[in-house]
């Protein structure tokens, strides 16, 4: 299994082409699940786990890997299913989300598949509000479910995010009331976190679920004669999204003369220095790793101050 990740570093050319690669795995049954390869640091046979007092029941223990100690989350339990009983044949997918490294315990790891984001869709209507899916797709005529890992981590590890403590001055707050921020994120947890942060600054928020939806909305506004760079303070977009990713959304915005001056910040749980290069390639103005409320508030306040001063930061 070690060889399955050997060429991950060579896959960055997919980014910016509205493509992704999913590592497919199974939990307790026949259902296939997927996780973006860029979130994965390593895949290994389940190591010996150490139990600690008062661990969340979703955390099966901690593992000592590469000189560090990582929580190992039973992904089946964490998404409302049964936990794994036999760990001797289980695998751990080591991931990095939101500047935090953890392992996900799974029954089996299958293979990596190359997909277009346009073939990845939001969860079907009727799945309810309490599901743990952020998207679905099909591979070899079998449905693959993509888990909302940010929701899992918010419930298992992160807990409730604090409101930002950074305060804006009166002039900046006055500017906030006249400008809107468009946020684009397929994770309901991430949208709520960002909205709570911007509400504390007095900024009006428009929240959309994916890049395709956002691009359609922006085009409709432009068709109606709205000057988007004047009406919107900025767009804060996730990168990983069904239908259209944040890199492609940004490139489409920059290629449309009616919206090319819109301030775009990419806000993502994806880690890696390649993100900085991709920000420059697609023409985004800023990049911020998720999720520290004060850092997000700082970027929005800086943008508000630039607008107050007549700049275009």
C-alpha atoms as a PDB file:
ATOM      1  CA  UNK A   1       0.000   0.000   0.000  1.00  0.00           C
ATOM      2  CA  UNK A   2       2.957   2.350   0.498  1.00  0.00           C
ATOM      3  CA  UNK A   3       3.361   2.582  -3.271  1.00  0.00           C
ATOM      4  CA  UNK A   4      -0.150   3.948  -3.811  1.00  0.00           C
ATOM      5  CA  UNK A   5       0.978   7.449  -2.831  1.00  0.00           C
ATOM      6  CA  UNK A   6       4.385   7.415  -4.532  1.00  0.00           C
ATOM      7  CA  UNK A   7       3.419   9.835  -7.299  1.00  0.00           C
ATOM      8  CA  UNK A   8       1.199  12.265  -5.359  1.00  0.00           C
ATOM      9  CA  UNK A   9       3.773  15.052  -5.729  1.00  0.00           C
ATOM     10  CA  UNK A  10       3.560  14.696  -9.517  1.00  0.00           C
ATOM     11  CA  UNK A  11      -0.192  15.282  -9.568  1.00  0.00           C
ATOM     12  CA  UNK A  12      -0.268  19.037  -8.998  1.00  0.00           C
ATOM     13  CA  UNK A  13      -0.713  19.579 -12.752  1.00  0.00           C
ATOM     14  CA  UNK A  14      -4.338  18.498 -12.268  1.00  0.00           C
ATOM     15  CA  UNK A  15      -5.044  21.584 -10.212  1.00  0.00           C
ATOM     16  CA  UNK A  16      -6.398  24.446 -12.275  1.00  0.00           C
ATOM     17  CA  UNK A  17      -7.857  22.091 -14.896  1.00  0.00           C
ATOM     18  CA  UNK A  18     -11.050  21.434 -12.896  1.00  0.00           C
ATOM     19  CA  UNK A  19      -9.778  17.919 -12.221  1.00  0.00           C
ATOM     20  CA  UNK A  20      -9.089  15.938  -9.082  1.00  0.00           C
ATOM     21  CA  UNK A  21      -7.917  12.536  -8.010  1.00  0.00           C
ATOM     22  CA  UNK A  22      -9.777  10.560  -5.367  1.00  0.00           C
ATOM     23  CA  UNK A  23      -8.356   7.858  -3.162  1.00  0.00           C
ATOM     24  CA  UNK A  24     -11.153   5.280  -2.899  1.00  0.00           C
ATOM     25  CA  UNK A  25     -11.756   3.378   0.336  1.00  0.00           C
ATOM     26  CA  UNK A  26     -14.389   1.370   2.180  1.00  0.00           C
ATOM     27  CA  UNK A  27     -15.640   1.552   5.750  1.00  0.00           C
ATOM     28  CA  UNK A  28     -17.812  -1.285   7.036  1.00  0.00           C
ATOM     29  CA  UNK A  29     -19.717  -2.431   3.961  1.00  0.00           C
ATOM     30  CA  UNK A  30     -19.651  -2.379   0.164  1.00  0.00           C
ATOM     31  CA  UNK A  31     -20.146   1.388  -0.219  1.00  0.00           C
ATOM     32  CA  UNK A  32     -17.203   3.208  -1.810  1.00  0.00           C
ATOM     33  CA  UNK A  33     -15.968   6.503  -0.379  1.00  0.00           C
ATOM     34  CA  UNK A  34     -13.450   8.971  -1.734  1.00  0.00           C
ATOM     35  CA  UNK A  35     -10.987  11.510  -0.402  1.00  0.00           C
ATOM     36  CA  UNK A  36      -9.003  14.053  -2.408  1.00  0.00           C
ATOM     37  CA  UNK A  37      -5.428  12.849  -2.904  1.00  0.00           C
ATOM     38  CA  UNK A  38      -4.125  16.322  -2.043  1.00  0.00           C
ATOM     39  CA  UNK A  39      -5.438  15.877   1.499  1.00  0.00           C
ATOM     40  CA  UNK A  40      -3.556  12.597   1.953  1.00  0.00           C
ATOM     41  CA  UNK A  41      -0.061  12.427   3.394  1.00  0.00           C
ATOM     42  CA  UNK A  42       0.294   8.670   3.753  1.00  0.00           C
ATOM     43  CA  UNK A  43      -1.618   5.372   3.752  1.00  0.00           C
ATOM     44  CA  UNK A  44      -0.501   2.563   6.046  1.00  0.00           C
ATOM     45  CA  UNK A  45      -1.630  -0.581   7.794  1.00  0.00           C
ATOM     46  CA  UNK A  46      -3.248   0.327  11.105  1.00  0.00           C
ATOM     47  CA  UNK A  47      -0.436   0.702  13.659  1.00  0.00           C
ATOM     48  CA  UNK A  48      -0.677  -0.129  17.338  1.00  0.00           C
ATOM     49  CA  UNK A  49      -3.043   2.335  18.997  1.00  0.00           C
ATOM     50  CA  UNK A  50      -2.693   3.746  22.484  1.00  0.00           C
ATOM     51  CA  UNK A  51      -5.825   4.535  24.472  1.00  0.00           C
ATOM     52  CA  UNK A  52      -5.924   7.767  26.455  1.00  0.00           C
ATOM     53  CA  UNK A  53      -8.401   8.840  29.148  1.00  0.00           C
ATOM     54  CA  UNK A  54     -11.475  10.824  28.083  1.00  0.00           C
ATOM     55  CA  UNK A  55     -10.940  10.407  24.354  1.00  0.00           C
ATOM     56  CA  UNK A  56     -13.883  11.220  22.138  1.00  0.00           C
ATOM     57  CA  UNK A  57     -15.591   7.854  21.399  1.00  0.00           C
ATOM     58  CA  UNK A  58     -15.000   8.472  17.690  1.00  0.00           C
ATOM     59  CA  UNK A  59     -11.223   8.452  18.346  1.00  0.00           C
ATOM     60  CA  UNK A  60     -10.014   4.860  18.639  1.00  0.00           C
ATOM     61  CA  UNK A  61      -6.668   5.908  20.083  1.00  0.00           C
ATOM     62  CA  UNK A  62      -3.473   7.708  19.201  1.00  0.00           C
ATOM     63  CA  UNK A  63      -0.647   6.394  17.058  1.00  0.00           C
ATOM     64  CA  UNK A  64       3.038   7.256  17.101  1.00  0.00           C
ATOM     65  CA  UNK A  65       3.978   7.838  13.480  1.00  0.00           C
ATOM     66  CA  UNK A  66       7.123   9.462  12.036  1.00  0.00           C
ATOM     67  CA  UNK A  67       8.055  10.923  15.404  1.00  0.00           C
ATOM     68  CA  UNK A  68       4.618  12.459  16.032  1.00  0.00           C
ATOM     69  CA  UNK A  69       1.476  11.439  17.911  1.00  0.00           C
ATOM     70  CA  UNK A  70      -1.743  11.522  15.892  1.00  0.00           C
ATOM     71  CA  UNK A  71      -5.391  10.896  16.803  1.00  0.00           C
ATOM     72  CA  UNK A  72      -6.894   8.028  14.835  1.00  0.00           C
ATOM     73  CA  UNK A  73     -10.568   8.663  14.056  1.00  0.00           C
ATOM     74  CA  UNK A  74     -12.867   5.768  13.221  1.00  0.00           C
ATOM     75  CA  UNK A  75     -14.515   7.266  10.165  1.00  0.00           C
ATOM     76  CA  UNK A  76     -17.365   4.769  10.274  1.00  0.00           C
ATOM     77  CA  UNK A  77     -18.329   5.728  13.826  1.00  0.00           C
ATOM     78  CA  UNK A  78     -17.805   9.423  13.137  1.00  0.00           C
ATOM     79  CA  UNK A  79     -20.342   9.376  10.300  1.00  0.00           C
ATOM     80  CA  UNK A  80     -23.034   7.544  12.267  1.00  0.00           C
ATOM     81  CA  UNK A  81     -22.201   3.968  11.304  1.00  0.00           C
ATOM     82  CA  UNK A  82     -20.583   1.038  13.069  1.00  0.00           C
ATOM     83  CA  UNK A  83     -16.989   1.146  14.131  1.00  0.00           C
ATOM     84  CA  UNK A  84     -14.437  -1.375  12.905  1.00  0.00           C
ATOM     85  CA  UNK A  85     -14.014  -4.409  15.129  1.00  0.00           C
ATOM     86  CA  UNK A  86     -10.922  -6.036  13.663  1.00  0.00           C
ATOM     87  CA  UNK A  87      -8.111  -3.509  13.445  1.00  0.00           C
ATOM     88  CA  UNK A  88      -5.505  -6.069  12.433  1.00  0.00           C
ATOM     89  CA  UNK A  89      -6.507  -5.779   8.759  1.00  0.00           C
ATOM     90  CA  UNK A  90      -7.597  -2.122   8.818  1.00  0.00           C
ATOM     91  CA  UNK A  91      -5.806   0.827   7.235  1.00  0.00           C
ATOM     92  CA  UNK A  92      -5.162   4.384   8.356  1.00  0.00           C
ATOM     93  CA  UNK A  93      -5.281   7.292   5.913  1.00  0.00           C
ATOM     94  CA  UNK A  94      -3.091  10.093   7.297  1.00  0.00           C
ATOM     95  CA  UNK A  95      -4.566  13.433   6.249  1.00  0.00           C
ATOM     96  CA  UNK A  96      -3.958  17.129   6.734  1.00  0.00           C
ATOM     97  CA  UNK A  97      -6.961  19.427   7.033  1.00  0.00           C
ATOM     98  CA  UNK A  98      -7.035  22.997   8.287  1.00  0.00           C
ATOM     99  CA  UNK A  99      -3.401  22.812   9.438  1.00  0.00           C
ATOM    100  CA  UNK A 100      -4.193  19.733  11.542  1.00  0.00           C
ATOM    101  CA  UNK A 101      -2.896  16.195  10.927  1.00  0.00           C
ATOM    102  CA  UNK A 102      -4.925  13.135  11.874  1.00  0.00           C
ATOM    103  CA  UNK A 103      -5.546   9.564  10.759  1.00  0.00           C
ATOM    104  CA  UNK A 104      -8.821   8.107   9.498  1.00  0.00           C
ATOM    105  CA  UNK A 105      -9.392   4.451  10.265  1.00  0.00           C
ATOM    106  CA  UNK A 106     -10.932   2.562   7.316  1.00  0.00           C
ATOM    107  CA  UNK A 107     -11.504  -1.109   6.484  1.00  0.00           C
ATOM    108  CA  UNK A 108      -9.879  -1.135   3.041  1.00  0.00           C
ATOM    109  CA  UNK A 109      -8.124   1.209   0.625  1.00  0.00           C
ATOM    110  CA  UNK A 110      -8.713   0.520  -3.067  1.00  0.00           C
ATOM    111  CA  UNK A 111      -7.128   2.758  -5.711  1.00  0.00           C
ATOM    112  CA  UNK A 112      -6.781   6.284  -7.043  1.00  0.00           C
ATOM    113  CA  UNK A 113      -9.101   7.543  -9.794  1.00  0.00           C
ATOM    114  CA  UNK A 114      -8.818  10.644 -11.956  1.00  0.00           C
ATOM    115  CA  UNK A 115     -12.034  12.676 -12.370  1.00  0.00           C
ATOM    116  CA  UNK A 116     -13.346  15.978 -13.621  1.00  0.00           C
ATOM    117  CA  UNK A 117     -15.030  18.161 -10.996  1.00  0.00           C
ATOM    118  CA  UNK A 118     -17.974  18.488 -13.388  1.00  0.00           C
ATOM    119  CA  UNK A 119     -18.649  14.772 -12.744  1.00  0.00           C
ATOM    120  CA  UNK A 120     -18.800  15.394  -8.986  1.00  0.00           C
ATOM    121  CA  UNK A 121     -22.203  16.555  -7.779  1.00  0.00           C
ATOM    122  CA  UNK A 122     -23.814  17.802  -4.559  1.00  0.00           C
ATOM    123  CA  UNK A 123     -25.587  15.147  -2.448  1.00  0.00           C
ATOM    124  CA  UNK A 124     -28.976  14.140  -3.866  1.00  0.00           C
ATOM    125  CA  UNK A 125     -32.001  16.067  -2.662  1.00  0.00           C
ATOM    126  CA  UNK A 126     -33.798  14.283   0.136  1.00  0.00           C
ATOM    127  CA  UNK A 127     -30.693  13.179   2.002  1.00  0.00           C
ATOM    128  CA  UNK A 128     -31.681  15.462   4.878  1.00  0.00           C
ATOM    129  CA  UNK A 129     -29.641  17.960   6.868  1.00  0.00           C
ATOM    130  CA  UNK A 130     -27.733  15.581   9.120  1.00  0.00           C
ATOM    131  CA  UNK A 131     -25.832  13.603   6.500  1.00  0.00           C
ATOM    132  CA  UNK A 132     -22.041  13.639   6.290  1.00  0.00           C
ATOM    133  CA  UNK A 133     -21.726  13.948   2.511  1.00  0.00           C
ATOM    134  CA  UNK A 134     -20.267  16.900   0.693  1.00  0.00           C
ATOM    135  CA  UNK A 135     -20.523  15.389  -2.809  1.00  0.00           C
ATOM    136  CA  UNK A 136     -21.117  12.210  -4.800  1.00  0.00           C
ATOM    137  CA  UNK A 137     -19.776  10.820  -8.060  1.00  0.00           C
ATOM    138  CA  UNK A 138     -19.737   7.548  -9.987  1.00  0.00           C
ATOM    139  CA  UNK A 139     -16.791   5.277 -10.764  1.00  0.00           C
ATOM    140  CA  UNK A 140     -17.357   2.184 -12.909  1.00  0.00           C
ATOM    141  CA  UNK A 141     -21.121   2.633 -12.474  1.00  0.00           C
ATOM    142  CA  UNK A 142     -20.823   2.554  -8.682  1.00  0.00           C
ATOM    143  CA  UNK A 143     -21.667   5.566  -6.527  1.00  0.00           C
ATOM    144  CA  UNK A 144     -18.784   7.067  -4.580  1.00  0.00           C
ATOM    145  CA  UNK A 145     -19.619   9.207  -1.574  1.00  0.00           C
ATOM    146  CA  UNK A 146     -17.287  12.055  -0.608  1.00  0.00           C
ATOM    147  CA  UNK A 147     -17.478  12.725   3.117  1.00  0.00           C
ATOM    148  CA  UNK A 148     -17.675  16.235   4.572  1.00  0.00           C
ATOM    149  CA  UNK A 149     -14.488  15.828   6.570  1.00  0.00           C
ATOM    150  CA  UNK A 150     -14.704  19.380   7.905  1.00  0.00           C
ATOM    151  CA  UNK A 151     -18.003  18.472   9.540  1.00  0.00           C
ATOM    152  CA  UNK A 152     -16.478  15.321  11.031  1.00  0.00           C
ATOM    153  CA  UNK A 153     -13.513  17.217  12.435  1.00  0.00           C
ATOM    154  CA  UNK A 154     -15.711  20.006  13.788  1.00  0.00           C
ATOM    155  CA  UNK A 155     -17.691  17.418  15.752  1.00  0.00           C
ATOM    156  CA  UNK A 156     -14.836  15.163  16.822  1.00  0.00           C
ATOM    157  CA  UNK A 157     -11.895  17.494  17.396  1.00  0.00           C
ATOM    158  CA  UNK A 158     -12.388  21.159  16.651  1.00  0.00           C
ATOM    159  CA  UNK A 159     -15.630  21.877  18.490  1.00  0.00           C
ATOM    160  CA  UNK A 160     -17.281  25.278  18.218  1.00  0.00           C
ATOM    161  CA  UNK A 161     -15.053  27.876  16.602  1.00  0.00           C
ATOM    162  CA  UNK A 162     -14.738  31.100  18.590  1.00  0.00           C
ATOM    163  CA  UNK A 163     -15.914  34.375  17.117  1.00  0.00           C
ATOM    164  CA  UNK A 164     -13.118  36.665  15.935  1.00  0.00           C
ATOM    165  CA  UNK A 165     -11.690  38.986  18.551  1.00  0.00           C
ATOM    166  CA  UNK A 166     -10.308  41.446  16.003  1.00  0.00           C
ATOM    167  CA  UNK A 167     -12.306  44.693  16.130  1.00  0.00           C
ATOM    168  CA  UNK A 168     -12.839  47.115  13.277  1.00  0.00           C
ATOM    169  CA  UNK A 169     -12.841  50.881  13.703  1.00  0.00           C
ATOM    170  CA  UNK A 170     -15.991  52.952  13.202  1.00  0.00           C
ATOM    171  CA  UNK A 171     -15.099  54.044   9.661  1.00  0.00           C
ATOM    172  CA  UNK A 172     -14.417  50.465   8.601  1.00  0.00           C
ATOM    173  CA  UNK A 173     -17.644  49.238  10.193  1.00  0.00           C
ATOM    174  CA  UNK A 174     -19.569  51.923   8.306  1.00  0.00           C
ATOM    175  CA  UNK A 175     -18.037  50.694   5.059  1.00  0.00           C
ATOM    176  CA  UNK A 176     -18.964  47.118   5.964  1.00  0.00           C
ATOM    177  CA  UNK A 177     -22.659  47.941   6.000  1.00  0.00           C
ATOM    178  CA  UNK A 178     -22.578  49.069   2.372  1.00  0.00           C
ATOM    179  CA  UNK A 179     -20.660  46.129   0.867  1.00  0.00           C
ATOM    180  CA  UNK A 180     -21.425  42.445   0.528  1.00  0.00           C
ATOM    181  CA  UNK A 181     -19.125  39.422   0.592  1.00  0.00           C
ATOM    182  CA  UNK A 182     -19.780  36.383  -1.585  1.00  0.00           C
ATOM    183  CA  UNK A 183     -18.692  33.129   0.052  1.00  0.00           C
ATOM    184  CA  UNK A 184     -18.532  29.895  -1.921  1.00  0.00           C
ATOM    185  CA  UNK A 185     -18.082  26.601  -0.075  1.00  0.00           C
ATOM    186  CA  UNK A 186     -19.651  23.170  -0.407  1.00  0.00           C
ATOM    187  CA  UNK A 187     -19.252  22.342   3.302  1.00  0.00           C
ATOM    188  CA  UNK A 188     -22.202  23.479   5.415  1.00  0.00           C
ATOM    189  CA  UNK A 189     -19.917  23.637   8.454  1.00  0.00           C
ATOM    190  CA  UNK A 190     -17.404  25.859   6.653  1.00  0.00           C
ATOM    191  CA  UNK A 191     -20.161  28.183   5.418  1.00  0.00           C
ATOM    192  CA  UNK A 192     -21.525  28.568   8.947  1.00  0.00           C
ATOM    193  CA  UNK A 193     -18.045  29.289  10.312  1.00  0.00           C
ATOM    194  CA  UNK A 194     -17.382  31.998   7.735  1.00  0.00           C
ATOM    195  CA  UNK A 195     -20.841  33.548   8.090  1.00  0.00           C
ATOM    196  CA  UNK A 196     -20.455  33.708  11.877  1.00  0.00           C
ATOM    197  CA  UNK A 197     -17.076  35.403  11.453  1.00  0.00           C
ATOM    198  CA  UNK A 198     -18.363  38.006   8.977  1.00  0.00           C
ATOM    199  CA  UNK A 199     -21.562  38.629  10.936  1.00  0.00           C
ATOM    200  CA  UNK A 200     -19.364  39.750  13.831  1.00  0.00           C
ATOM    201  CA  UNK A 201     -17.904  42.398  11.503  1.00  0.00           C
ATOM    202  CA  UNK A 202     -21.310  43.581  10.308  1.00  0.00           C
ATOM    203  CA  UNK A 203     -20.729  42.391   6.744  1.00  0.00           C
ATOM    204  CA  UNK A 204     -23.666  41.197   4.649  1.00  0.00           C
ATOM    205  CA  UNK A 205     -23.038  37.710   3.286  1.00  0.00           C
ATOM    206  CA  UNK A 206     -24.227  35.892   0.174  1.00  0.00           C
ATOM    207  CA  UNK A 207     -23.494  32.158   0.563  1.00  0.00           C
ATOM    208  CA  UNK A 208     -23.411  29.708  -2.345  1.00  0.00           C
ATOM    209  CA  UNK A 209     -22.549  26.025  -2.445  1.00  0.00           C
ATOM    210  CA  UNK A 210     -20.158  25.482  -5.351  1.00  0.00           C
ATOM    211  CA  UNK A 211     -18.178  27.152  -8.094  1.00  0.00           C
ATOM    212  CA  UNK A 212     -20.704  26.534 -10.863  1.00  0.00           C
ATOM    213  CA  UNK A 213     -23.501  28.053  -8.793  1.00  0.00           C
ATOM    214  CA  UNK A 214     -21.298  31.041  -7.956  1.00  0.00           C
ATOM    215  CA  UNK A 215     -20.262  31.646 -11.567  1.00  0.00           C
ATOM    216  CA  UNK A 216     -23.879  31.470 -12.731  1.00  0.00           C
ATOM    217  CA  UNK A 217     -24.884  33.954 -10.017  1.00  0.00           C
ATOM    218  CA  UNK A 218     -22.062  36.340 -10.883  1.00  0.00           C
ATOM    219  CA  UNK A 219     -22.922  36.225 -14.584  1.00  0.00           C
ATOM    220  CA  UNK A 220     -26.594  36.884 -13.822  1.00  0.00           C
ATOM    221  CA  UNK A 221     -25.619  39.922 -11.739  1.00  0.00           C
ATOM    222  CA  UNK A 222     -23.358  41.200 -14.510  1.00  0.00           C
ATOM    223  CA  UNK A 223     -26.096  40.622 -17.114  1.00  0.00           C
ATOM    224  CA  UNK A 224     -28.396  42.777 -14.937  1.00  0.00           C
ATOM    225  CA  UNK A 225     -25.891  45.636 -15.116  1.00  0.00           C
ATOM    226  CA  UNK A 226     -24.384  45.239 -11.621  1.00  0.00           C
ATOM    227  CA  UNK A 227     -20.776  46.426 -11.313  1.00  0.00           C
ATOM    228  CA  UNK A 228     -19.522  43.474  -9.301  1.00  0.00           C
ATOM    229  CA  UNK A 229     -16.237  44.988  -8.171  1.00  0.00           C
ATOM    230  CA  UNK A 230     -18.223  47.872  -6.653  1.00  0.00           C
ATOM    231  CA  UNK A 231     -21.140  45.850  -5.258  1.00  0.00           C
ATOM    232  CA  UNK A 232     -19.061  43.062  -3.706  1.00  0.00           C
ATOM    233  CA  UNK A 233     -16.242  43.721  -1.273  1.00  0.00           C
ATOM    234  CA  UNK A 234     -14.706  40.355  -2.180  1.00  0.00           C
ATOM    235  CA  UNK A 235     -15.365  36.729  -2.992  1.00  0.00           C
ATOM    236  CA  UNK A 236     -14.117  34.131  -0.504  1.00  0.00           C
ATOM    237  CA  UNK A 237     -14.035  30.743  -2.213  1.00  0.00           C
ATOM    238  CA  UNK A 238     -13.157  27.215  -1.205  1.00  0.00           C
ATOM    239  CA  UNK A 239     -11.004  25.257  -3.664  1.00  0.00           C
ATOM    240  CA  UNK A 240     -12.483  21.749  -3.497  1.00  0.00           C
ATOM    241  CA  UNK A 241     -16.084  21.891  -4.701  1.00  0.00           C
ATOM    242  CA  UNK A 242     -18.382  19.761  -6.859  1.00  0.00           C
ATOM    243  CA  UNK A 243     -19.221  20.920 -10.393  1.00  0.00           C
ATOM    244  CA  UNK A 244     -16.429  23.534 -10.487  1.00  0.00           C
ATOM    245  CA  UNK A 245     -13.439  24.015  -8.196  1.00  0.00           C
ATOM    246  CA  UNK A 246     -12.226  27.331  -6.803  1.00  0.00           C
ATOM    247  CA  UNK A 247      -9.238  27.565  -9.136  1.00  0.00           C
ATOM    248  CA  UNK A 248     -11.454  27.233 -12.204  1.00  0.00           C
ATOM    249  CA  UNK A 249     -14.009  29.650 -10.754  1.00  0.00           C
ATOM    250  CA  UNK A 250     -11.259  32.242 -10.226  1.00  0.00           C
ATOM    251  CA  UNK A 251      -9.910  31.781 -13.735  1.00  0.00           C
ATOM    252  CA  UNK A 252     -13.430  32.205 -15.182  1.00  0.00           C
ATOM    253  CA  UNK A 253     -13.919  35.399 -13.159  1.00  0.00           C
ATOM    254  CA  UNK A 254     -10.626  36.815 -14.407  1.00  0.00           C
ATOM    255  CA  UNK A 255     -11.506  35.972 -18.026  1.00  0.00           C
ATOM    256  CA  UNK A 256     -14.805  37.909 -17.915  1.00  0.00           C
ATOM    257  CA  UNK A 257     -14.241  41.685 -18.390  1.00  0.00           C
ATOM    258  CA  UNK A 258     -17.386  42.428 -16.342  1.00  0.00           C
ATOM    259  CA  UNK A 259     -16.029  40.809 -13.187  1.00  0.00           C
ATOM    260  CA  UNK A 260     -12.268  40.614 -13.677  1.00  0.00           C
ATOM    261  CA  UNK A 261     -11.612  43.287 -11.014  1.00  0.00           C
ATOM    262  CA  UNK A 262     -13.490  41.394  -8.281  1.00  0.00           C
ATOM    263  CA  UNK A 263     -11.227  40.759  -5.263  1.00  0.00           C
ATOM    264  CA  UNK A 264     -10.879  36.980  -4.854  1.00  0.00           C
ATOM    265  CA  UNK A 265      -9.506  35.158  -1.816  1.00  0.00           C
ATOM    266  CA  UNK A 266      -9.159  31.380  -1.877  1.00  0.00           C
ATOM    267  CA  UNK A 267      -9.914  29.890   1.544  1.00  0.00           C
ATOM    268  CA  UNK A 268      -9.218  26.185   1.812  1.00  0.00           C
ATOM    269  CA  UNK A 269      -8.342  23.256   4.029  1.00  0.00           C
ATOM    270  CA  UNK A 270      -5.965  22.020   1.312  1.00  0.00           C
ATOM    271  CA  UNK A 271      -2.383  22.230   2.493  1.00  0.00           C
ATOM    272  CA  UNK A 272       0.840  22.507   0.549  1.00  0.00           C
ATOM    273  CA  UNK A 273       3.079  25.174  -0.922  1.00  0.00           C
ATOM    274  CA  UNK A 274       1.720  24.457  -4.412  1.00  0.00           C
ATOM    275  CA  UNK A 275      -1.352  26.481  -3.443  1.00  0.00           C
ATOM    276  CA  UNK A 276       0.654  29.708  -3.506  1.00  0.00           C
ATOM    277  CA  UNK A 277       1.788  28.977  -7.049  1.00  0.00           C
ATOM    278  CA  UNK A 278      -1.769  28.151  -8.104  1.00  0.00           C
ATOM    279  CA  UNK A 279      -3.080  31.399  -6.588  1.00  0.00           C
ATOM    280  CA  UNK A 280      -0.729  33.306  -8.875  1.00  0.00           C
ATOM    281  CA  UNK A 281      -1.512  31.100 -11.876  1.00  0.00           C
ATOM    282  CA  UNK A 282      -5.286  31.625 -11.768  1.00  0.00           C
ATOM    283  CA  UNK A 283      -5.095  35.269 -10.697  1.00  0.00           C
ATOM    284  CA  UNK A 284      -6.502  35.166  -7.156  1.00  0.00           C
ATOM    285  CA  UNK A 285      -5.671  38.143  -4.946  1.00  0.00           C
ATOM    286  CA  UNK A 286      -5.129  36.231  -1.722  1.00  0.00           C
ATOM    287  CA  UNK A 287      -4.955  32.803  -0.119  1.00  0.00           C
ATOM    288  CA  UNK A 288      -5.796  31.761   3.431  1.00  0.00           C
ATOM    289  CA  UNK A 289      -5.721  28.327   5.018  1.00  0.00           C
ATOM    290  CA  UNK A 290      -8.796  27.363   7.050  1.00  0.00           C
ATOM    291  CA  UNK A 291      -9.884  28.121   9.701  1.00  0.00           C
ATOM    292  CA  UNK A 292      -8.715  30.770  12.184  1.00  0.00           C
ATOM    293  CA  UNK A 293     -11.452  33.380  12.715  1.00  0.00           C
ATOM    294  CA  UNK A 294      -9.094  36.227  13.604  1.00  0.00           C
ATOM    295  CA  UNK A 295      -7.001  35.678  10.477  1.00  0.00           C
ATOM    296  CA  UNK A 296     -10.090  35.663   8.287  1.00  0.00           C
ATOM    297  CA  UNK A 297     -11.435  38.758  10.048  1.00  0.00           C
ATOM    298  CA  UNK A 298      -8.061  40.494   9.535  1.00  0.00           C
ATOM    299  CA  UNK A 299      -8.156  39.881   5.778  1.00  0.00           C
ATOM    300  CA  UNK A 300     -11.717  41.207   5.491  1.00  0.00           C
ATOM    301  CA  UNK A 301     -10.908  44.269   7.621  1.00  0.00           C
ATOM    302  CA  UNK A 302      -7.808  44.959   5.512  1.00  0.00           C
ATOM    303  CA  UNK A 303      -9.963  44.829   2.415  1.00  0.00           C
ATOM    304  CA  UNK A 304     -12.531  47.158   3.970  1.00  0.00           C
ATOM    305  CA  UNK A 305      -9.793  49.611   4.932  1.00  0.00           C
ATOM    306  CA  UNK A 306      -8.366  49.517   1.415  1.00  0.00           C
ATOM    307  CA  UNK A 307     -11.801  50.358   0.011  1.00  0.00           C
ATOM    308  CA  UNK A 308     -12.223  53.196   2.544  1.00  0.00           C
ATOM    309  CA  UNK A 309      -8.883  54.621   1.447  1.00  0.00           C
ATOM    310  CA  UNK A 310      -9.850  54.351  -2.214  1.00  0.00           C
ATOM    311  CA  UNK A 311      -7.405  51.537  -2.896  1.00  0.00           C
ATOM    312  CA  UNK A 312      -7.946  48.238  -4.656  1.00  0.00           C
ATOM    313  CA  UNK A 313      -5.953  45.792  -2.513  1.00  0.00           C
END
